PDB file of N, CA and C in Angstrom:
ATOM      1  N   MET A   1     -12.351 -15.870  -3.409  1.00  0.00           N
ATOM      2  CA  MET A   1     -12.251 -14.486  -3.824  1.00  0.00           C
ATOM      3  C   MET A   1     -10.856 -13.963  -3.473  1.00  0.00           C
ATOM      4  N   LYS A   2     -10.170 -13.410  -4.443  1.00  0.00           N
ATOM      5  CA  LYS A   2      -8.849 -12.826  -4.235  1.00  0.00           C
ATOM      6  C   LYS A   2      -9.002 -11.365  -3.833  1.00  0.00           C
ATOM      7  N   LEU A   3      -8.188 -10.927  -2.897  1.00  0.00           N
ATOM      8  CA  LEU A   3      -8.267  -9.570  -2.372  1.00  0.00           C
ATOM      9  C   LEU A   3      -7.253  -8.650  -3.044  1.00  0.00           C
ATOM     10  N   GLU A   4      -7.637  -7.377  -3.171  1.00  0.00           N
ATOM     11  CA  GLU A   4      -6.712  -6.371  -3.704  1.00  0.00           C
ATOM     12  C   GLU A   4      -5.993  -5.704  -2.543  1.00  0.00           C
ATOM     13  N   LEU A   5      -4.683  -5.571  -2.674  1.00  0.00           N
ATOM     14  CA  LEU A   5      -3.826  -5.018  -1.630  1.00  0.00           C
ATOM     15  C   LEU A   5      -3.024  -3.857  -2.193  1.00  0.00           C
ATOM     16  N   VAL A   6      -2.931  -2.779  -1.422  1.00  0.00           N
ATOM     17  CA  VAL A   6      -2.070  -1.646  -1.757  1.00  0.00           C
ATOM     18  C   VAL A   6      -0.998  -1.563  -0.678  1.00  0.00           C
ATOM     19  N   ILE A   7       0.256  -1.430  -1.112  1.00  0.00           N
ATOM     20  CA  ILE A   7       1.377  -1.288  -0.182  1.00  0.00           C
ATOM     21  C   ILE A   7       2.036   0.057  -0.438  1.00  0.00           C
ATOM     22  N   VAL A   8       2.240   0.839   0.638  1.00  0.00           N
ATOM     23  CA  VAL A   8       2.820   2.176   0.525  1.00  0.00           C
ATOM     24  C   VAL A   8       4.062   2.261   1.402  1.00  0.00           C
ATOM     25  N   ASP A   9       5.197   2.553   0.773  1.00  0.00           N
ATOM     26  CA  ASP A   9       6.463   2.706   1.502  1.00  0.00           C
ATOM     27  C   ASP A   9       7.443   3.424   0.589  1.00  0.00           C
ATOM     28  N   GLU A  10       8.234   4.342   1.129  1.00  0.00           N
ATOM     29  CA  GLU A  10       9.188   5.074   0.291  1.00  0.00           C
ATOM     30  C   GLU A  10      10.408   4.231  -0.066  1.00  0.00           C
ATOM     31  N   SER A  11      10.639   3.147   0.653  1.00  0.00           N
ATOM     32  CA  SER A  11      11.790   2.281   0.407  1.00  0.00           C
ATOM     33  C   SER A  11      11.435   1.221  -0.643  1.00  0.00           C
ATOM     34  N   HIS A  12      12.151   1.253  -1.765  1.00  0.00           N
ATOM     35  CA  HIS A  12      11.898   0.275  -2.815  1.00  0.00           C
ATOM     36  C   HIS A  12      12.256  -1.136  -2.361  1.00  0.00           C
ATOM     37  N   LEU A  13      13.238  -1.256  -1.478  1.00  0.00           N
ATOM     38  CA  LEU A  13      13.602  -2.560  -0.941  1.00  0.00           C
ATOM     39  C   LEU A  13      12.436  -3.158  -0.151  1.00  0.00           C
ATOM     40  N   TRP A  14      11.869  -2.370   0.765  1.00  0.00           N
ATOM     41  CA  TRP A  14      10.759  -2.862   1.577  1.00  0.00           C
ATOM     42  C   TRP A  14       9.519  -3.108   0.740  1.00  0.00           C
ATOM     43  N   LEU A  15       9.278  -2.258  -0.266  1.00  0.00           N
ATOM     44  CA  LEU A  15       8.147  -2.487  -1.164  1.00  0.00           C
ATOM     45  C   LEU A  15       8.286  -3.836  -1.855  1.00  0.00           C
ATOM     46  N   SER A  16       9.475  -4.119  -2.345  1.00  0.00           N
ATOM     47  CA  SER A  16       9.726  -5.371  -3.044  1.00  0.00           C
ATOM     48  C   SER A  16       9.546  -6.573  -2.114  1.00  0.00           C
ATOM     49  N   LEU A  17      10.090  -6.480  -0.920  1.00  0.00           N
ATOM     50  CA  LEU A  17       9.963  -7.581   0.039  1.00  0.00           C
ATOM     51  C   LEU A  17       8.510  -7.805   0.452  1.00  0.00           C
ATOM     52  N   ALA A  18       7.797  -6.723   0.736  1.00  0.00           N
ATOM     53  CA  ALA A  18       6.391  -6.842   1.140  1.00  0.00           C
ATOM     54  C   ALA A  18       5.544  -7.405   0.002  1.00  0.00           C
ATOM     55  N   GLU A  19       5.832  -6.976  -1.226  1.00  0.00           N
ATOM     56  CA  GLU A  19       5.080  -7.473  -2.369  1.00  0.00           C
ATOM     57  C   GLU A  19       5.314  -8.975  -2.572  1.00  0.00           C
ATOM     58  N   LYS A  20       6.560  -9.415  -2.462  1.00  0.00           N
ATOM     59  CA  LYS A  20       6.862 -10.845  -2.613  1.00  0.00           C
ATOM     60  C   LYS A  20       6.202 -11.673  -1.518  1.00  0.00           C
ATOM     61  N   LEU A  21       6.225 -11.168  -0.301  1.00  0.00           N
ATOM     62  CA  LEU A  21       5.598 -11.880   0.808  1.00  0.00           C
ATOM     63  C   LEU A  21       4.085 -11.953   0.608  1.00  0.00           C
ATOM     64  N   ALA A  22       3.463 -10.842   0.248  1.00  0.00           N
ATOM     65  CA  ALA A  22       2.007 -10.810   0.037  1.00  0.00           C
ATOM     66  C   ALA A  22       1.602 -11.708  -1.127  1.00  0.00           C
ATOM     67  N   ALA A  23       2.400 -11.724  -2.185  1.00  0.00           N
ATOM     68  CA  ALA A  23       2.073 -12.529  -3.368  1.00  0.00           C
ATOM     69  C   ALA A  23       2.048 -14.022  -3.052  1.00  0.00           C
ATOM     70  N   SER A  24       2.750 -14.430  -2.003  1.00  0.00           N
ATOM     71  CA  SER A  24       2.778 -15.843  -1.637  1.00  0.00           C
ATOM     72  C   SER A  24       1.524 -16.275  -0.871  1.00  0.00           C
ATOM     73  N   HIS A  25       0.698 -15.315  -0.466  1.00  0.00           N
ATOM     74  CA  HIS A  25      -0.512 -15.649   0.283  1.00  0.00           C
ATOM     75  C   HIS A  25      -1.636 -16.016  -0.684  1.00  0.00           C
ATOM     76  N   PRO A  26      -2.341 -17.109  -0.443  1.00  0.00           N
ATOM     77  CA  PRO A  26      -3.359 -17.570  -1.391  1.00  0.00           C
ATOM     78  C   PRO A  26      -4.581 -16.650  -1.539  1.00  0.00           C
ATOM     79  N   LEU A  27      -4.844 -15.792  -0.573  1.00  0.00           N
ATOM     80  CA  LEU A  27      -6.009 -14.910  -0.658  1.00  0.00           C
ATOM     81  C   LEU A  27      -5.717 -13.576  -1.328  1.00  0.00           C
ATOM     82  N   VAL A  28      -4.452 -13.284  -1.585  1.00  0.00           N
ATOM     83  CA  VAL A  28      -4.076 -12.011  -2.190  1.00  0.00           C
ATOM     84  C   VAL A  28      -4.031 -12.164  -3.702  1.00  0.00           C
ATOM     85  N   GLY A  29      -4.761 -11.286  -4.389  1.00  0.00           N
ATOM     86  CA  GLY A  29      -4.778 -11.290  -5.843  1.00  0.00           C
ATOM     87  C   GLY A  29      -3.926 -10.166  -6.378  1.00  0.00           C
ATOM     88  N   LYS A  30      -4.543  -9.042  -6.640  1.00  0.00           N
ATOM     89  CA  LYS A  30      -3.844  -7.887  -7.199  1.00  0.00           C
ATOM     90  C   LYS A  30      -3.085  -7.139  -6.102  1.00  0.00           C
ATOM     91  N   ILE A  31      -1.822  -6.828  -6.374  1.00  0.00           N
ATOM     92  CA  ILE A  31      -0.993  -6.047  -5.452  1.00  0.00           C
ATOM     93  C   ILE A  31      -0.507  -4.814  -6.198  1.00  0.00           C
ATOM     94  N   THR A  32      -0.761  -3.651  -5.620  1.00  0.00           N
ATOM     95  CA  THR A  32      -0.297  -2.395  -6.203  1.00  0.00           C
ATOM     96  C   THR A  32       0.599  -1.720  -5.180  1.00  0.00           C
ATOM     97  N   THR A  33       1.769  -1.269  -5.609  1.00  0.00           N
ATOM     98  CA  THR A  33       2.706  -0.633  -4.683  1.00  0.00           C
ATOM     99  C   THR A  33       2.907   0.826  -5.063  1.00  0.00           C
ATOM    100  N   PHE A  34       3.162   1.647  -4.052  1.00  0.00           N
ATOM    101  CA  PHE A  34       3.429   3.065  -4.235  1.00  0.00           C
ATOM    102  C   PHE A  34       4.561   3.494  -3.314  1.00  0.00           C
ATOM    103  N   ASP A  35       5.433   4.351  -3.823  1.00  0.00           N
ATOM    104  CA  ASP A  35       6.477   4.938  -2.978  1.00  0.00           C
ATOM    105  C   ASP A  35       6.112   6.364  -2.586  1.00  0.00           C
ATOM    106  N   ASP A  36       4.927   6.811  -2.974  1.00  0.00           N
ATOM    107  CA  ASP A  36       4.444   8.154  -2.651  1.00  0.00           C
ATOM    108  C   ASP A  36       3.034   8.043  -2.074  1.00  0.00           C
ATOM    109  N   SER A  37       2.832   8.568  -0.864  1.00  0.00           N
ATOM    110  CA  SER A  37       1.540   8.427  -0.196  1.00  0.00           C
ATOM    111  C   SER A  37       0.425   9.192  -0.902  1.00  0.00           C
ATOM    112  N   TYR A  38       0.747  10.305  -1.550  1.00  0.00           N
ATOM    113  CA  TYR A  38      -0.292  11.068  -2.255  1.00  0.00           C
ATOM    114  C   TYR A  38      -0.801  10.300  -3.471  1.00  0.00           C
ATOM    115  N   ASP A  39       0.098   9.680  -4.227  1.00  0.00           N
ATOM    116  CA  ASP A  39      -0.316   8.858  -5.366  1.00  0.00           C
ATOM    117  C   ASP A  39      -1.140   7.667  -4.887  1.00  0.00           C
ATOM    118  N   ALA A  40      -0.730   7.071  -3.789  1.00  0.00           N
ATOM    119  CA  ALA A  40      -1.472   5.938  -3.231  1.00  0.00           C
ATOM    120  C   ALA A  40      -2.869   6.370  -2.824  1.00  0.00           C
ATOM    121  N   TRP A  41      -2.984   7.526  -2.200  1.00  0.00           N
ATOM    122  CA  TRP A  41      -4.285   8.009  -1.747  1.00  0.00           C
ATOM    123  C   TRP A  41      -5.247   8.177  -2.926  1.00  0.00           C
ATOM    124  N   VAL A  42      -4.767   8.746  -4.024  1.00  0.00           N
ATOM    125  CA  VAL A  42      -5.605   8.912  -5.218  1.00  0.00           C
ATOM    126  C   VAL A  42      -6.049   7.542  -5.736  1.00  0.00           C
ATOM    127  N   HIS A  43      -5.110   6.617  -5.839  1.00  0.00           N
ATOM    128  CA  HIS A  43      -5.436   5.264  -6.323  1.00  0.00           C
ATOM    129  C   HIS A  43      -6.488   4.604  -5.425  1.00  0.00           C
ATOM    130  N   ILE A  44      -6.316   4.729  -4.127  1.00  0.00           N
ATOM    131  CA  ILE A  44      -7.241   4.102  -3.175  1.00  0.00           C
ATOM    132  C   ILE A  44      -8.635   4.703  -3.299  1.00  0.00           C
ATOM    133  N   GLN A  45      -8.725   6.011  -3.476  1.00  0.00           N
ATOM    134  CA  GLN A  45     -10.026   6.670  -3.626  1.00  0.00           C
ATOM    135  C   GLN A  45     -10.766   6.177  -4.872  1.00  0.00           C
ATOM    136  N   ILE A  46     -10.029   5.892  -5.921  1.00  0.00           N
ATOM    137  CA  ILE A  46     -10.642   5.468  -7.184  1.00  0.00           C
ATOM    138  C   ILE A  46     -10.938   3.966  -7.189  1.00  0.00           C
ATOM    139  N   ASN A  47      -9.994   3.156  -6.720  1.00  0.00           N
ATOM    140  CA  ASN A  47     -10.092   1.700  -6.870  1.00  0.00           C
ATOM    141  C   ASN A  47     -10.658   0.949  -5.667  1.00  0.00           C
ATOM    142  N   LYS A  48     -10.680   1.561  -4.505  1.00  0.00           N
ATOM    143  CA  LYS A  48     -11.258   0.973  -3.291  1.00  0.00           C
ATOM    144  C   LYS A  48     -10.749  -0.446  -2.988  1.00  0.00           C
ATOM    145  N   PRO A  49      -9.426  -0.601  -2.766  1.00  0.00           N
ATOM    146  CA  PRO A  49      -8.898  -1.933  -2.437  1.00  0.00           C
ATOM    147  C   PRO A  49      -9.395  -2.393  -1.068  1.00  0.00           C
ATOM    148  N   GLN A  50      -9.351  -3.699  -0.827  1.00  0.00           N
ATOM    149  CA  GLN A  50      -9.800  -4.236   0.456  1.00  0.00           C
ATOM    150  C   GLN A  50      -8.796  -4.007   1.577  1.00  0.00           C
ATOM    151  N   PHE A  51      -7.491  -3.969   1.237  1.00  0.00           N
ATOM    152  CA  PHE A  51      -6.457  -3.820   2.262  1.00  0.00           C
ATOM    153  C   PHE A  51      -5.389  -2.821   1.835  1.00  0.00           C
ATOM    154  N   VAL A  52      -4.870  -2.081   2.838  1.00  0.00           N
ATOM    155  CA  VAL A  52      -3.774  -1.142   2.613  1.00  0.00           C
ATOM    156  C   VAL A  52      -2.735  -1.374   3.703  1.00  0.00           C
ATOM    157  N   ILE A  53      -1.476  -1.515   3.292  1.00  0.00           N
ATOM    158  CA  ILE A  53      -0.353  -1.596   4.223  1.00  0.00           C
ATOM    159  C   ILE A  53       0.488  -0.348   3.994  1.00  0.00           C
ATOM    160  N   SER A  54       0.740   0.393   5.076  1.00  0.00           N
ATOM    161  CA  SER A  54       1.478   1.646   4.934  1.00  0.00           C
ATOM    162  C   SER A  54       2.610   1.731   5.947  1.00  0.00           C
ATOM    163  N   ASP A  55       3.725   2.278   5.501  1.00  0.00           N
ATOM    164  CA  ASP A  55       4.832   2.588   6.392  1.00  0.00           C
ATOM    165  C   ASP A  55       4.389   3.727   7.311  1.00  0.00           C
ATOM    166  N   ILE A  56       4.940   3.797   8.499  1.00  0.00           N
ATOM    167  CA  ILE A  56       4.614   4.879   9.425  1.00  0.00           C
ATOM    168  C   ILE A  56       5.482   6.100   9.149  1.00  0.00           C
ATOM    169  N   GLU A  57       6.769   5.902   8.960  1.00  0.00           N
ATOM    170  CA  GLU A  57       7.703   6.998   8.720  1.00  0.00           C
ATOM    171  C   GLU A  57       7.938   7.174   7.221  1.00  0.00           C
ATOM    172  N   MET A  58       7.312   8.197   6.645  1.00  0.00           N
ATOM    173  CA  MET A  58       7.481   8.497   5.222  1.00  0.00           C
ATOM    174  C   MET A  58       7.709   9.992   5.059  1.00  0.00           C
ATOM    175  N   PRO A  59       8.465  10.391   4.061  1.00  0.00           N
ATOM    176  CA  PRO A  59       8.661  11.827   3.828  1.00  0.00           C
ATOM    177  C   PRO A  59       7.379  12.464   3.286  1.00  0.00           C
ATOM    178  N   GLY A  60       7.138  13.691   3.671  1.00  0.00           N
ATOM    179  CA  GLY A  60       5.966  14.404   3.176  1.00  0.00           C
ATOM    180  C   GLY A  60       4.735  14.173   4.027  1.00  0.00           C
ATOM    181  N   MET A  61       4.416  12.925   4.274  1.00  0.00           N
ATOM    182  CA  MET A  61       3.247  12.587   5.077  1.00  0.00           C
ATOM    183  C   MET A  61       3.530  11.258   5.765  1.00  0.00           C
ATOM    184  N   ASN A  62       3.397  11.220   7.093  1.00  0.00           N
ATOM    185  CA  ASN A  62       3.647   9.957   7.764  1.00  0.00           C
ATOM    186  C   ASN A  62       2.421   9.038   7.647  1.00  0.00           C
ATOM    187  N   GLY A  63       2.596   7.792   7.997  1.00  0.00           N
ATOM    188  CA  GLY A  63       1.542   6.805   7.836  1.00  0.00           C
ATOM    189  C   GLY A  63       0.277   7.119   8.626  1.00  0.00           C
ATOM    190  N   LEU A  64       0.420   7.726   9.783  1.00  0.00           N
ATOM    191  CA  LEU A  64      -0.762   8.066  10.567  1.00  0.00           C
ATOM    192  C   LEU A  64      -1.559   9.198   9.919  1.00  0.00           C
ATOM    193  N   SER A  65      -0.878  10.197   9.400  1.00  0.00           N
ATOM    194  CA  SER A  65      -1.559  11.264   8.669  1.00  0.00           C
ATOM    195  C   SER A  65      -2.230  10.710   7.420  1.00  0.00           C
ATOM    196  N   PHE A  66      -1.563   9.762   6.781  1.00  0.00           N
ATOM    197  CA  PHE A  66      -2.119   9.107   5.605  1.00  0.00           C
ATOM    198  C   PHE A  66      -3.448   8.422   5.957  1.00  0.00           C
ATOM    199  N   LEU A  67      -3.476   7.711   7.055  1.00  0.00           N
ATOM    200  CA  LEU A  67      -4.706   7.021   7.472  1.00  0.00           C
ATOM    201  C   LEU A  67      -5.808   8.008   7.857  1.00  0.00           C
ATOM    202  N   GLU A  68      -5.434   9.140   8.448  1.00  0.00           N
ATOM    203  CA  GLU A  68      -6.423  10.148   8.845  1.00  0.00           C
ATOM    204  C   GLU A  68      -7.161  10.729   7.632  1.00  0.00           C
ATOM    205  N   MET A  69      -6.554  10.656   6.458  1.00  0.00           N
ATOM    206  CA  MET A  69      -7.197  11.193   5.245  1.00  0.00           C
ATOM    207  C   MET A  69      -8.446  10.380   4.868  1.00  0.00           C
ATOM    208  N   PHE A  70      -8.577   9.193   5.433  1.00  0.00           N
ATOM    209  CA  PHE A  70      -9.735   8.363   5.120  1.00  0.00           C
ATOM    210  C   PHE A  70     -10.823   8.580   6.132  1.00  0.00           C
TER     211      PHE A  70
END
């Protein structure tokens, strides 16, 4: 079974690196990336991925506040 992963980070460089690293793992299937935590939150509420990786320091909402929304 392949797992769905969401990656949230405002840095496009880090998003790209994290996505490439995750894609190399045999258990990871679908990878969705977001540079905005609010857009990610909506996607997560609708799609219910198995894993979420989030940056801690983000503009607008930090990673800990993002996790508290769940």
